[in-house]
Amino acid sequence: MSYSNEKFEQYASFGTSKFRTQDFDSLNSNVKDIVAHCEKDIAQIDANIEQLLRQIQQLKFERSQREGLVKRCQGMVTLARRIPAEILASIFEICVNDGWTLTPLQVSQVCSEWRKAANNPSIWSHIYVNCDVQDPYRRTKFWLDRAQNSPLKVTIEARQDHRRLPRVMALLMTRISQWRSLSVICNSYLHVMQLLSYCRRPSPALRCINITIEQEFDITNQGEDNGSGTPTLLHVAFPEAPQLQYLRFRRSVLPPPRFCPPSITALCLDLAPDQAAAVHITIGAIAELLRFQPNLHTFSLSVSGSVLIETEIDEIVTLAMVPNMQRLTLSGPPGLLAVLPFLRTSALTNLHLISPLDSTGYPRHDRIDAHLRQFVTDTKPPLQLLEIRDIDISSGTFIILFTNLPDLRELRLHESEIPDSALQLLEGPGSACPHLQFLNLRWCNQITGDALVKLVKSRLDNDMDSITAITVINCAFVGNYDIMALAEMTVCRLVLTDEDDTCRLVGCCVNARYRRRLELLAKSSVQSKQRKLLL
């Protein structure tokens, strides 16, 4: 600098006292001299600040380079980089199967190792076509090129714009021999039929079809088969599909008879109308639909929303003979069970009767017990699994069920009350259901812990199957010590099952706090026997 700090302090002390002793000219000269030298010093200080800022920026740049090098070095030794490519590819494929169809694009941007693993053709095998976005043809071609010869799971969504559909379908038809599954999402039944009209080539690998019609304002059959025997387009499409066995149909109305290809063995119907007007379904129409599907092994009918089940049967309903059916699921208003007496299912092993979450909006159907009794006594199905969810039946009906189901191995009850008197039929030698091994009880607020302990104990060391596992969740009259006693004789479960459990999705059987208390009780108590308690 031009001036030292001492010189600066000397000038800074220049004040009014000197102003009084000097004339104006002398003062003016001194002030100008001070200002000139201070401005020179300021310029020098600014230059030094600028130089220091440049040095700071240079140091920050060098620091960022070192940080980047540290991250690259750390990334080279992470677990993600050390996982073999084939394991990474398996993980990516699991993500794709769970619905994350953009997984191959996203993981390819992580690093070169992940990009290499994402080149596996099976990861690109989920072809998602959205005709409502820009240029679906180029996207589909890109995905097909990456998938190569892998089995394809094709999903086509065409809600609004159908102008691009012919070109896209022509491209997909070149790979129809690789199709493993087809899912179609449209707003109109006519658009679904338009799409299926392109599928006239052999598809030897096709196994399942999912069709969803989301906004069906016209609830007529729209030119479908009306029962006269005329085949629908589903019969004409996929002329050579020997492995096609599963069909899922979600729409507002019940499909007509003969709409389903004869090769279908698993049929799932979801009736969920979106319009305000209620849709009426007759029991006779359901029975007629099944009468023309004698090859079905699995049938599921789910009814929700504003759907009314006509349970008053005025016309003569022909019995539906479904000799090959092994699994039947009816989910809907209580009146839906009125179809049971008109079914003949001599091979039925699994029966699931489910009332929806909004079942409180439906009136109490007094003939549920009569429908169940007639179905069991007339058909005598060899049931091995019976699930009754949120449906109230009487104690007498439980007695008839147990008496007529000698092959029953698993009983699932969810908020369907069963009294101790009905459970006594399962106790000891010579009791009903001698092969019963699994009990799953949730929200059963009549049964007591003493009755469960007595039941399990009575089936030990006898010429009958013992209770292998028992699930007790949110049963009010089953206490902690009842659970501990059950755990000494069998596997006692207080958690949801590992498979796809409906309660896991709904969240109605969460009992974490109770399980924690019971776990503390189990640890603090003196255990004379090893307890089999799943918490």
Protein backbone atom coordinates (compact mmCIF):
# COMPACT_ATOMS: atom_id res chain seq x y z
CA MET A 1 0.00 0.00 0.00
CA SER A 2 1.04 3.66 -0.44
CA TYR A 3 0.51 4.54 3.17
CA SER A 4 1.19 2.64 6.34
CA ASN A 5 -1.42 2.21 9.03
CA GLU A 6 0.28 4.86 11.12
CA LYS A 7 0.03 7.36 8.25
CA PHE A 8 -3.62 6.40 7.76
CA GLU A 9 -4.38 6.99 11.47
CA GLN A 10 -2.64 10.33 11.25
CA TYR A 11 -4.82 11.40 8.38
CA ALA A 12 -7.91 9.92 10.03
CA SER A 13 -7.36 12.15 13.08
CA PHE A 14 -7.54 15.18 10.84
CA GLY A 15 -10.56 17.07 12.18
CA THR A 16 -12.20 20.25 13.18
CA SER A 17 -9.43 21.31 15.56
CA LYS A 18 -6.99 21.79 12.67
CA PHE A 19 -9.70 23.40 10.64
CA ARG A 20 -9.88 26.29 13.10
CA THR A 21 -6.11 26.96 13.03
CA GLN A 22 -5.61 26.84 9.28
CA ASP A 23 -6.89 29.02 6.55
CA PHE A 24 -9.22 27.58 3.92
CA ASP A 25 -6.63 27.24 1.14
CA SER A 26 -4.25 25.28 3.29
CA LEU A 27 -7.11 23.03 4.48
CA ASN A 28 -8.30 22.42 0.94
CA SER A 29 -4.84 21.33 -0.15
CA ASN A 30 -4.50 18.90 2.75
CA VAL A 31 -7.94 17.37 2.12
CA LYS A 32 -7.21 16.81 -1.56
CA ASP A 33 -3.95 15.15 -0.71
CA ILE A 34 -5.65 12.81 1.78
CA VAL A 35 -8.45 11.93 -0.67
CA ALA A 36 -6.01 11.19 -3.49
CA HIS A 37 -3.88 8.89 -1.42
CA CYS A 38 -6.96 7.11 0.11
CA GLU A 39 -8.43 6.49 -3.34
CA LYS A 40 -5.13 5.04 -4.45
CA ASP A 41 -5.14 2.78 -1.41
CA ILE A 42 -8.74 1.69 -2.12
CA ALA A 43 -7.83 0.72 -5.67
CA GLN A 44 -4.94 -1.34 -4.36
CA ILE A 45 -7.18 -3.02 -1.75
CA ASP A 46 -9.79 -3.88 -4.43
CA ALA A 47 -7.06 -5.43 -6.55
CA ASN A 48 -5.91 -7.54 -3.61
CA ILE A 49 -9.51 -8.65 -2.87
CA GLU A 50 -9.99 -9.69 -6.50
CA GLN A 51 -6.80 -11.68 -6.43
CA LEU A 52 -7.84 -13.43 -3.21
CA LEU A 53 -11.28 -14.24 -4.66
CA ARG A 54 -9.63 -15.81 -7.67
CA GLN A 55 -7.52 -17.90 -5.35
CA ILE A 56 -10.65 -18.96 -3.42
CA GLN A 57 -12.39 -19.99 -6.63
CA GLN A 58 -9.34 -21.95 -7.70
CA LEU A 59 -9.27 -23.72 -4.34
CA LYS A 60 -13.00 -24.51 -4.53
CA PHE A 61 -12.50 -25.97 -8.00
CA GLU A 62 -9.62 -28.11 -6.81
CA ARG A 63 -11.72 -29.24 -3.83
CA SER A 64 -14.63 -30.26 -6.07
CA GLN A 65 -12.23 -32.28 -8.21
CA ARG A 66 -10.98 -34.13 -5.14
CA GLU A 67 -14.55 -34.74 -3.92
CA GLY A 68 -15.52 -36.16 -7.31
CA LEU A 69 -12.51 -38.45 -7.24
CA VAL A 70 -13.45 -39.60 -3.72
CA LYS A 71 -17.01 -40.42 -4.86
CA ARG A 72 -15.76 -42.34 -7.87
CA CYS A 73 -13.34 -44.30 -5.74
CA GLN A 74 -15.98 -45.04 -3.13
CA GLY A 75 -18.42 -46.07 -5.86
CA MET A 76 -15.93 -48.62 -7.17
CA VAL A 77 -15.99 -50.55 -3.88
CA THR A 78 -19.74 -50.35 -3.09
CA LEU A 79 -21.92 -53.43 -2.90
CA ALA A 80 -23.87 -52.32 -5.98
CA ARG A 81 -20.69 -52.46 -8.09
CA ARG A 82 -19.61 -55.81 -6.64
CA ILE A 83 -22.91 -57.59 -7.38
CA PRO A 84 -22.52 -59.93 -10.37
CA ALA A 85 -24.27 -58.83 -13.53
CA GLU A 86 -26.60 -61.84 -13.57
CA ILE A 87 -27.83 -61.06 -10.03
CA LEU A 88 -28.35 -57.42 -10.96
CA ALA A 89 -30.34 -58.52 -13.99
CA SER A 90 -32.52 -60.72 -11.76
CA ILE A 91 -33.18 -57.78 -9.42
CA PHE A 92 -34.10 -55.54 -12.35
CA GLU A 93 -36.42 -58.22 -13.69
CA ILE A 94 -38.20 -58.45 -10.32
CA CYS A 95 -38.74 -54.68 -10.42
CA VAL A 96 -40.22 -54.97 -13.90
CA ASN A 97 -42.53 -57.80 -12.81
CA ASP A 98 -43.78 -55.60 -9.95
CA GLY A 99 -44.97 -53.02 -12.46
CA TRP A 100 -41.94 -50.72 -12.81
CA THR A 101 -41.79 -51.04 -16.59
CA LEU A 102 -39.32 -48.13 -16.94
CA THR A 103 -36.75 -49.95 -14.82
CA PRO A 104 -34.32 -50.72 -17.70
CA LEU A 105 -34.19 -47.07 -18.72
CA GLN A 106 -33.66 -45.78 -15.20
CA VAL A 107 -31.03 -48.26 -14.04
CA SER A 108 -29.04 -47.77 -17.24
CA GLN A 109 -28.22 -44.24 -16.10
CA VAL A 110 -26.57 -45.31 -12.83
CA CYS A 111 -23.23 -46.66 -14.03
CA SER A 112 -21.62 -48.73 -16.75
CA GLU A 113 -21.98 -51.95 -14.74
CA TRP A 114 -25.70 -51.46 -14.26
CA ARG A 115 -26.09 -50.46 -17.90
CA LYS A 116 -24.38 -53.69 -18.90
CA ALA A 117 -26.67 -55.72 -16.65
CA ALA A 118 -29.74 -53.92 -18.00
CA ASN A 119 -28.94 -55.16 -21.50
CA ASN A 120 -30.47 -58.52 -20.59
CA PRO A 121 -33.37 -58.95 -23.06
CA SER A 122 -35.72 -60.37 -20.41
CA ILE A 123 -35.69 -57.00 -18.59
CA TRP A 124 -37.16 -55.37 -21.69
CA SER A 125 -39.81 -58.06 -22.14
CA HIS A 126 -42.64 -55.96 -20.63
CA ILE A 127 -43.95 -54.00 -23.60
CA TYR A 128 -46.12 -51.10 -22.44
CA VAL A 129 -47.89 -49.27 -25.28
CA ASN A 130 -49.75 -46.05 -24.53
CA CYS A 131 -51.52 -44.86 -27.66
CA ASP A 132 -52.38 -41.53 -26.03
CA VAL A 133 -48.75 -40.33 -25.88
CA GLN A 134 -46.58 -39.01 -28.66
CA ASP A 135 -45.09 -41.50 -31.11
CA PRO A 136 -46.01 -44.84 -29.47
CA TYR A 137 -44.76 -46.69 -32.56
CA ARG A 138 -41.13 -45.64 -32.06
CA ARG A 139 -41.25 -46.41 -28.33
CA THR A 140 -42.69 -49.85 -29.01
CA LYS A 141 -40.08 -50.60 -31.68
CA PHE A 142 -37.28 -49.54 -29.34
CA TRP A 143 -38.56 -51.87 -26.61
CA LEU A 144 -39.07 -54.78 -29.01
CA ASP A 145 -35.55 -54.41 -30.38
CA ARG A 146 -34.13 -54.61 -26.86
CA ALA A 147 -36.33 -57.56 -25.88
CA GLN A 148 -35.06 -59.63 -28.83
CA ASN A 149 -36.49 -63.16 -28.58
CA SER A 150 -37.66 -63.04 -24.95
CA PRO A 151 -41.25 -63.98 -24.02
CA LEU A 152 -43.28 -60.78 -24.10
CA LYS A 153 -45.85 -59.37 -21.69
CA VAL A 154 -47.77 -56.83 -23.73
CA THR A 155 -49.90 -54.06 -22.23
CA ILE A 156 -51.87 -51.81 -24.59
CA GLU A 157 -53.57 -48.70 -23.25
CA ALA A 158 -55.84 -46.88 -25.70
CA ARG A 159 -58.29 -44.62 -23.92
CA GLN A 160 -58.61 -41.55 -26.14
CA ASP A 161 -56.56 -41.61 -29.35
CA HIS A 162 -57.08 -44.73 -31.48
CA ARG A 163 -55.61 -43.38 -34.72
CA ARG A 164 -52.16 -44.80 -33.95
CA LEU A 165 -53.50 -48.21 -33.01
CA PRO A 166 -53.39 -49.90 -36.48
CA ARG A 167 -49.71 -49.10 -37.04
CA VAL A 168 -48.72 -50.15 -33.54
CA MET A 169 -50.70 -53.38 -33.76
CA ALA A 170 -49.09 -54.19 -37.11
CA LEU A 171 -45.71 -53.87 -35.42
CA LEU A 172 -46.75 -56.02 -32.47
CA MET A 173 -48.16 -58.69 -34.77
CA THR A 174 -44.66 -59.36 -36.07
CA ARG A 175 -43.80 -60.67 -32.58
CA ILE A 176 -47.12 -62.30 -31.63
CA SER A 177 -45.43 -65.69 -31.45
CA GLN A 178 -43.49 -64.35 -28.41
CA TRP A 179 -46.53 -63.05 -26.52
CA ARG A 180 -46.84 -64.59 -23.08
CA SER A 181 -49.65 -62.32 -21.85
CA LEU A 182 -51.83 -59.52 -23.20
CA SER A 183 -53.43 -56.71 -21.19
CA VAL A 184 -55.84 -54.27 -22.81
CA ILE A 185 -57.14 -51.06 -21.22
CA CYS A 186 -59.83 -49.12 -23.10
CA ASN A 187 -62.86 -46.97 -22.40
CA SER A 188 -65.22 -48.82 -24.73
CA TYR A 189 -66.06 -52.42 -25.49
CA LEU A 190 -66.08 -51.60 -29.22
CA HIS A 191 -62.49 -50.38 -29.02
CA VAL A 192 -61.48 -53.61 -27.30
CA MET A 193 -63.08 -55.60 -30.09
CA GLN A 194 -61.32 -53.38 -32.64
CA LEU A 195 -57.98 -54.15 -31.03
CA LEU A 196 -58.67 -57.89 -30.86
CA SER A 197 -59.63 -57.91 -34.53
CA TYR A 198 -55.92 -57.55 -35.38
CA CYS A 199 -55.00 -60.67 -33.40
CA ARG A 200 -55.67 -63.27 -36.09
CA ARG A 201 -52.28 -64.99 -36.10
CA PRO A 202 -51.03 -68.02 -34.18
CA SER A 203 -49.80 -67.25 -30.68
CA PRO A 204 -48.33 -70.47 -29.31
CA ALA A 205 -46.87 -68.90 -26.13
CA LEU A 206 -49.93 -66.84 -25.08
CA ARG A 207 -51.22 -67.92 -21.69
CA CYS A 208 -53.41 -65.14 -20.25
CA ILE A 209 -55.49 -62.15 -21.36
CA ASN A 210 -56.53 -59.19 -19.17
CA ILE A 211 -59.22 -56.86 -20.52
CA THR A 212 -60.29 -53.69 -18.70
CA ILE A 213 -63.09 -51.39 -19.85
CA GLU A 214 -63.00 -48.38 -17.56
CA GLN A 215 -65.81 -46.07 -18.70
CA GLU A 216 -68.64 -48.08 -20.18
CA PHE A 217 -71.58 -45.74 -20.39
CA ASP A 218 -73.58 -48.00 -22.70
CA ILE A 219 -74.29 -51.06 -20.58
CA THR A 220 -75.93 -53.05 -23.35
CA ASN A 221 -74.14 -55.94 -24.93
CA GLN A 222 -73.07 -53.77 -27.87
CA GLY A 223 -73.50 -56.48 -30.47
CA GLU A 224 -72.21 -59.36 -28.35
CA ASP A 225 -73.58 -62.86 -28.29
CA ASN A 226 -77.08 -62.77 -26.85
CA GLY A 227 -77.29 -66.47 -26.15
CA SER A 228 -78.01 -67.60 -29.70
CA GLY A 229 -74.69 -69.35 -29.98
CA THR A 230 -72.98 -66.88 -32.30
CA PRO A 231 -69.27 -66.81 -31.38
CA THR A 232 -67.85 -63.57 -30.13
CA LEU A 233 -64.63 -62.02 -31.34
CA LEU A 234 -62.73 -63.65 -28.49
CA HIS A 235 -63.39 -66.99 -30.20
CA VAL A 236 -62.04 -65.71 -33.51
CA ALA A 237 -58.98 -63.90 -32.14
CA PHE A 238 -55.90 -65.98 -31.35
CA PRO A 239 -56.97 -68.93 -33.54
CA GLU A 240 -54.00 -71.07 -32.51
CA ALA A 241 -53.29 -70.47 -28.83
CA PRO A 242 -52.99 -73.89 -27.19
CA GLN A 243 -51.69 -72.49 -23.89
CA LEU A 244 -54.34 -69.77 -23.48
CA GLN A 245 -56.11 -70.69 -20.25
CA TYR A 246 -56.57 -67.52 -18.14
CA LEU A 247 -58.96 -64.67 -18.91
CA ARG A 248 -59.65 -61.66 -16.68
CA PHE A 249 -62.45 -59.31 -17.69
CA ARG A 250 -63.19 -56.04 -15.89
CA ARG A 251 -66.20 -54.09 -17.09
CA SER A 252 -69.60 -52.81 -15.99
CA VAL A 253 -71.87 -55.62 -17.14
CA LEU A 254 -71.87 -59.38 -16.99
CA PRO A 255 -70.64 -60.90 -20.26
CA PRO A 256 -73.10 -63.08 -22.17
CA PRO A 257 -72.91 -66.86 -22.40
CA ARG A 258 -70.43 -68.38 -24.86
CA PHE A 259 -68.27 -65.25 -24.84
CA CYS A 260 -65.28 -67.18 -23.53
CA PRO A 261 -63.07 -69.40 -25.72
CA PRO A 262 -63.41 -73.09 -24.79
CA SER A 263 -59.69 -73.37 -23.93
CA ILE A 264 -60.09 -71.04 -20.93
CA THR A 265 -59.85 -72.88 -17.62
CA ALA A 266 -59.46 -69.86 -15.30
CA LEU A 267 -61.97 -67.01 -15.57
CA CYS A 268 -61.98 -63.88 -13.41
CA LEU A 269 -64.79 -61.32 -13.77
CA ASP A 270 -64.66 -57.94 -12.02
CA LEU A 271 -67.90 -55.99 -12.31
CA ALA A 272 -67.24 -52.42 -11.22
CA PRO A 273 -69.54 -49.89 -12.94
CA ASP A 274 -68.47 -46.26 -13.02
CA GLN A 275 -71.76 -44.70 -14.01
CA ALA A 276 -74.30 -43.51 -11.47
CA ALA A 277 -77.07 -45.79 -12.73
CA ALA A 278 -77.12 -49.16 -11.03
CA VAL A 279 -76.48 -52.29 -13.06
CA HIS A 280 -78.83 -55.22 -12.49
CA ILE A 281 -77.54 -58.79 -12.56
CA THR A 282 -79.78 -61.81 -12.26
CA ILE A 283 -78.82 -65.07 -10.63
CA GLY A 284 -80.05 -66.83 -13.76
CA ALA A 285 -77.56 -64.90 -15.93
CA ILE A 286 -74.64 -65.96 -13.71
CA ALA A 287 -75.72 -69.60 -13.79
CA GLU A 288 -76.22 -69.45 -17.56
CA LEU A 289 -72.74 -68.03 -18.03
CA LEU A 290 -71.18 -70.92 -16.09
CA ARG A 291 -73.36 -73.49 -17.82
CA PHE A 292 -71.57 -72.79 -21.09
CA GLN A 293 -68.09 -72.99 -19.49
CA PRO A 294 -67.86 -76.64 -18.41
CA ASN A 295 -64.04 -76.70 -18.67
CA LEU A 296 -63.46 -74.08 -15.97
CA HIS A 297 -61.11 -75.06 -13.16
CA THR A 298 -61.11 -71.64 -11.47
CA PHE A 299 -63.87 -69.03 -11.42
CA SER A 300 -63.87 -65.68 -9.61
CA LEU A 301 -66.72 -63.17 -9.65
CA SER A 302 -66.21 -59.83 -7.92
CA VAL A 303 -69.07 -57.34 -7.75
CA SER A 304 -68.65 -53.81 -6.42
CA GLY A 305 -70.10 -50.36 -6.82
CA SER A 306 -73.71 -49.76 -7.84
CA VAL A 307 -74.51 -53.34 -8.89
CA LEU A 308 -77.81 -54.86 -7.78
CA ILE A 309 -78.16 -58.63 -7.56
CA GLU A 310 -81.63 -59.82 -8.46
CA THR A 311 -82.16 -62.61 -5.94
CA GLU A 312 -85.88 -63.12 -6.55
CA ILE A 313 -85.93 -65.92 -9.11
CA ASP A 314 -89.15 -65.81 -11.11
CA GLU A 315 -88.01 -67.75 -14.16
CA ILE A 316 -86.76 -71.29 -14.25
CA VAL A 317 -83.00 -71.37 -13.80
CA THR A 318 -81.13 -74.26 -15.38
CA LEU A 319 -78.51 -75.87 -13.18
CA ALA A 320 -74.93 -75.09 -14.18
CA MET A 321 -72.90 -78.29 -14.35
CA VAL A 322 -69.24 -77.39 -13.85
CA PRO A 323 -67.66 -80.75 -13.10
CA ASN A 324 -64.03 -79.58 -13.39
CA MET A 325 -64.25 -76.49 -11.17
CA GLN A 326 -61.82 -76.70 -8.25
CA ARG A 327 -61.71 -73.10 -7.02
CA LEU A 328 -64.67 -70.74 -6.67
CA THR A 329 -64.55 -67.15 -5.37
CA LEU A 330 -67.66 -65.00 -4.92
CA SER A 331 -66.99 -61.46 -3.72
CA GLY A 332 -69.86 -59.01 -3.54
CA PRO A 333 -73.19 -58.27 -1.88
CA PRO A 334 -74.64 -61.05 0.29
CA GLY A 335 -77.27 -61.72 -2.37
CA LEU A 336 -74.56 -63.02 -4.69
CA LEU A 337 -74.53 -66.27 -2.72
CA ALA A 338 -77.98 -67.04 -4.14
CA VAL A 339 -76.24 -68.56 -7.16
CA LEU A 340 -74.74 -71.39 -5.07
CA PRO A 341 -77.79 -73.71 -5.10
CA PHE A 342 -77.75 -73.65 -8.93
CA LEU A 343 -74.15 -74.86 -9.23
CA ARG A 344 -73.03 -78.45 -9.38
CA THR A 345 -69.32 -78.56 -8.65
CA SER A 346 -68.41 -82.12 -7.79
CA ALA A 347 -64.64 -81.39 -7.83
CA LEU A 348 -64.66 -78.14 -5.84
CA THR A 349 -61.82 -78.00 -3.28
CA ASN A 350 -61.51 -74.26 -2.54
CA LEU A 351 -64.47 -72.00 -1.77
CA HIS A 352 -64.03 -68.31 -0.94
CA LEU A 353 -67.11 -66.28 0.06
CA ILE A 354 -66.24 -62.62 0.56
CA SER A 355 -68.31 -59.57 1.36
CA PRO A 356 -66.78 -56.24 0.20
CA LEU A 357 -65.57 -53.52 2.54
CA ASP A 358 -68.69 -51.43 1.91
CA SER A 359 -70.98 -54.33 2.82
CA THR A 360 -72.68 -52.16 5.44
CA GLY A 361 -74.49 -50.46 2.57
CA TYR A 362 -76.17 -53.71 1.58
CA PRO A 363 -79.31 -54.98 3.33
CA ARG A 364 -79.03 -58.08 5.51
CA HIS A 365 -79.83 -61.08 3.34
CA ASP A 366 -81.76 -63.58 5.42
CA ARG A 367 -81.39 -66.47 2.98
CA ILE A 368 -77.58 -66.74 3.13
CA ASP A 369 -77.83 -69.69 5.52
CA ALA A 370 -80.35 -71.42 3.26
CA HIS A 371 -78.14 -70.96 0.18
CA LEU A 372 -75.09 -72.41 1.92
CA ARG A 373 -77.00 -75.34 3.38
CA GLN A 374 -78.61 -76.25 0.07
CA PHE A 375 -75.33 -75.98 -1.83
CA VAL A 376 -73.43 -78.20 0.59
CA THR A 377 -76.14 -80.82 1.04
CA ASP A 378 -77.06 -81.09 -2.67
CA THR A 379 -73.57 -80.90 -4.18
CA LYS A 380 -71.45 -82.36 -1.35
CA PRO A 381 -68.25 -80.83 -2.73
CA PRO A 382 -64.93 -82.26 -1.52
CA LEU A 383 -63.91 -78.92 -0.01
CA GLN A 384 -60.44 -78.71 1.49
CA LEU A 385 -60.39 -74.93 2.07
CA LEU A 386 -63.35 -72.80 3.13
CA GLU A 387 -63.04 -69.04 3.59
CA ILE A 388 -65.93 -66.92 4.84
CA ARG A 389 -65.07 -63.23 5.08
CA ASP A 390 -67.36 -60.62 6.65
CA ILE A 391 -70.49 -62.75 6.18
CA ASP A 392 -72.63 -63.70 9.18
CA ILE A 393 -74.04 -67.21 9.24
CA SER A 394 -75.86 -69.02 12.04
CA SER A 395 -74.50 -71.65 14.38
CA GLY A 396 -76.76 -74.24 12.77
CA THR A 397 -75.26 -73.52 9.36
CA PHE A 398 -71.77 -74.08 10.74
CA ILE A 399 -72.92 -77.43 12.08
CA ILE A 400 -74.28 -78.47 8.67
CA LEU A 401 -71.08 -77.30 6.96
CA PHE A 402 -68.86 -79.30 9.30
CA THR A 403 -71.07 -82.36 9.01
CA ASN A 404 -71.04 -82.37 5.20
CA LEU A 405 -67.38 -81.43 4.64
CA PRO A 406 -65.34 -84.47 5.73
CA ASP A 407 -62.34 -83.47 3.57
CA LEU A 408 -61.97 -79.96 5.03
CA ARG A 409 -58.33 -79.19 5.86
CA GLU A 410 -58.36 -75.39 6.36
CA LEU A 411 -61.00 -73.02 7.73
CA ARG A 412 -60.65 -69.24 7.41
CA LEU A 413 -63.09 -66.93 9.16
CA HIS A 414 -62.86 -63.14 9.09
CA GLU A 415 -65.46 -61.26 11.15
CA SER A 416 -67.80 -64.22 10.72
CA GLU A 417 -68.91 -65.25 14.17
CA ILE A 418 -68.62 -68.89 15.21
CA PRO A 419 -69.73 -69.90 18.71
CA ASP A 420 -68.06 -72.42 20.97
CA SER A 421 -70.96 -74.85 20.48
CA ALA A 422 -70.18 -75.14 16.74
CA LEU A 423 -66.50 -75.63 17.44
CA GLN A 424 -67.26 -78.55 19.74
CA LEU A 425 -68.21 -80.65 16.69
CA LEU A 426 -64.51 -80.68 15.75
CA GLU A 427 -63.29 -82.04 19.09
CA GLY A 428 -61.96 -85.50 19.80
CA PRO A 429 -62.23 -88.87 18.07
CA GLY A 430 -65.14 -89.39 15.73
CA SER A 431 -65.63 -85.62 15.30
CA ALA A 432 -66.54 -83.79 12.11
CA CYS A 433 -63.80 -82.68 9.67
CA PRO A 434 -61.24 -85.30 10.75
CA HIS A 435 -58.63 -83.89 8.34
CA LEU A 436 -58.80 -80.29 9.62
CA GLN A 437 -55.27 -78.99 10.21
CA PHE A 438 -55.36 -75.20 9.82
CA LEU A 439 -57.56 -72.64 11.57
CA ASN A 440 -57.43 -68.95 10.66
CA LEU A 441 -59.64 -66.82 12.92
CA ARG A 442 -59.77 -63.01 12.73
CA TRP A 443 -62.21 -60.68 14.47
CA CYS A 444 -64.24 -63.64 15.72
CA ASN A 445 -65.70 -62.15 18.89
CA GLN A 446 -67.80 -65.07 20.12
CA ILE A 447 -65.27 -67.86 20.26
CA THR A 448 -63.30 -68.18 23.49
CA GLY A 449 -59.71 -69.11 24.17
CA ASP A 450 -60.78 -72.03 26.38
CA ALA A 451 -62.69 -73.57 23.45
CA LEU A 452 -59.66 -73.27 21.15
CA VAL A 453 -57.32 -74.82 23.73
CA LYS A 454 -59.77 -77.66 24.31
CA LEU A 455 -60.13 -78.26 20.56
CA VAL A 456 -56.39 -78.45 19.88
CA LYS A 457 -55.77 -80.66 22.91
CA SER A 458 -58.59 -83.08 21.98
CA ARG A 459 -57.09 -83.76 18.56
CA LEU A 460 -53.66 -84.72 19.87
CA ASP A 461 -52.63 -88.39 19.97
CA ASN A 462 -55.77 -89.61 18.21
CA ASP A 463 -56.52 -91.37 14.92
CA MET A 464 -57.20 -88.04 13.25
CA ASP A 465 -55.22 -85.09 11.98
CA SER A 466 -54.11 -82.67 14.68
CA ILE A 467 -54.29 -78.90 14.35
CA THR A 468 -50.96 -78.08 12.72
CA ALA A 469 -51.29 -74.28 12.86
CA ILE A 470 -53.79 -71.82 14.24
CA THR A 471 -53.99 -68.10 13.51
CA VAL A 472 -55.72 -65.86 16.04
CA ILE A 473 -55.90 -62.12 15.30
CA ASN A 474 -58.12 -59.61 17.13
CA CYS A 475 -60.38 -62.20 18.76
CA ALA A 476 -61.73 -60.48 21.86
CA PHE A 477 -62.22 -63.54 24.11
CA VAL A 478 -58.88 -65.21 23.38
CA GLY A 479 -56.47 -64.06 26.07
CA ASN A 480 -52.70 -63.96 26.36
CA TYR A 481 -52.46 -67.15 28.38
CA ASP A 482 -54.71 -68.93 25.88
CA ILE A 483 -52.22 -68.01 23.18
CA MET A 484 -49.34 -69.29 25.31
CA ALA A 485 -51.17 -72.57 25.92
CA LEU A 486 -51.91 -73.01 22.22
CA ALA A 487 -48.26 -72.35 21.37
CA GLU A 488 -47.23 -75.29 23.54
CA MET A 489 -49.35 -77.70 21.47
CA THR A 490 -49.21 -76.28 17.93
CA VAL A 491 -47.90 -73.40 15.83
CA CYS A 492 -49.77 -70.30 16.95
CA ARG A 493 -49.64 -67.37 14.55
CA LEU A 494 -50.52 -63.78 15.38
CA VAL A 495 -49.28 -62.24 12.16
CA LEU A 496 -50.55 -62.18 8.60
CA THR A 497 -49.60 -64.94 6.23
CA ASP A 498 -46.70 -64.52 3.86
CA GLU A 499 -48.75 -65.00 0.71
CA ASP A 500 -51.02 -62.39 -0.82
CA ASP A 501 -53.21 -61.64 2.20
CA THR A 502 -56.26 -59.42 1.72
CA CYS A 503 -55.87 -58.01 5.23
CA ARG A 504 -52.36 -56.85 4.38
CA LEU A 505 -53.79 -54.57 1.70
CA VAL A 506 -56.75 -53.38 3.78
CA GLY A 507 -54.84 -52.93 7.03
CA CYS A 508 -57.67 -54.30 9.18
CA CYS A 509 -55.64 -56.91 11.07
CA VAL A 510 -52.65 -54.87 12.20
CA ASN A 511 -51.95 -55.80 15.85
CA ALA A 512 -48.33 -54.75 16.38
CA ARG A 513 -48.83 -53.40 19.92
CA TYR A 514 -50.58 -56.56 21.09
CA ARG A 515 -47.84 -58.73 19.59
CA ARG A 516 -45.15 -56.72 21.37
CA ARG A 517 -46.91 -57.14 24.72
CA LEU A 518 -47.28 -60.87 24.14
CA GLU A 519 -43.63 -61.14 23.16
CA LEU A 520 -42.61 -59.57 26.48
CA LEU A 521 -44.93 -61.96 28.30
CA ALA A 522 -43.39 -64.94 26.51
CA LYS A 523 -39.88 -63.83 27.44
CA SER A 524 -40.70 -63.15 31.08
CA SER A 525 -42.64 -66.35 31.74
CA VAL A 526 -41.03 -69.62 32.80
CA GLN A 527 -41.19 -71.86 29.75
CA SER A 528 -41.51 -75.52 30.67
CA LYS A 529 -41.98 -76.37 26.98
CA GLN A 530 -40.71 -74.86 23.81
CA ARG A 531 -43.42 -72.60 22.45
CA LYS A 532 -44.12 -72.32 18.72
CA LEU A 533 -45.31 -68.72 18.61
CA LEU A 534 -45.13 -66.64 15.44
CA LEU A 535 -45.21 -62.96 16.33
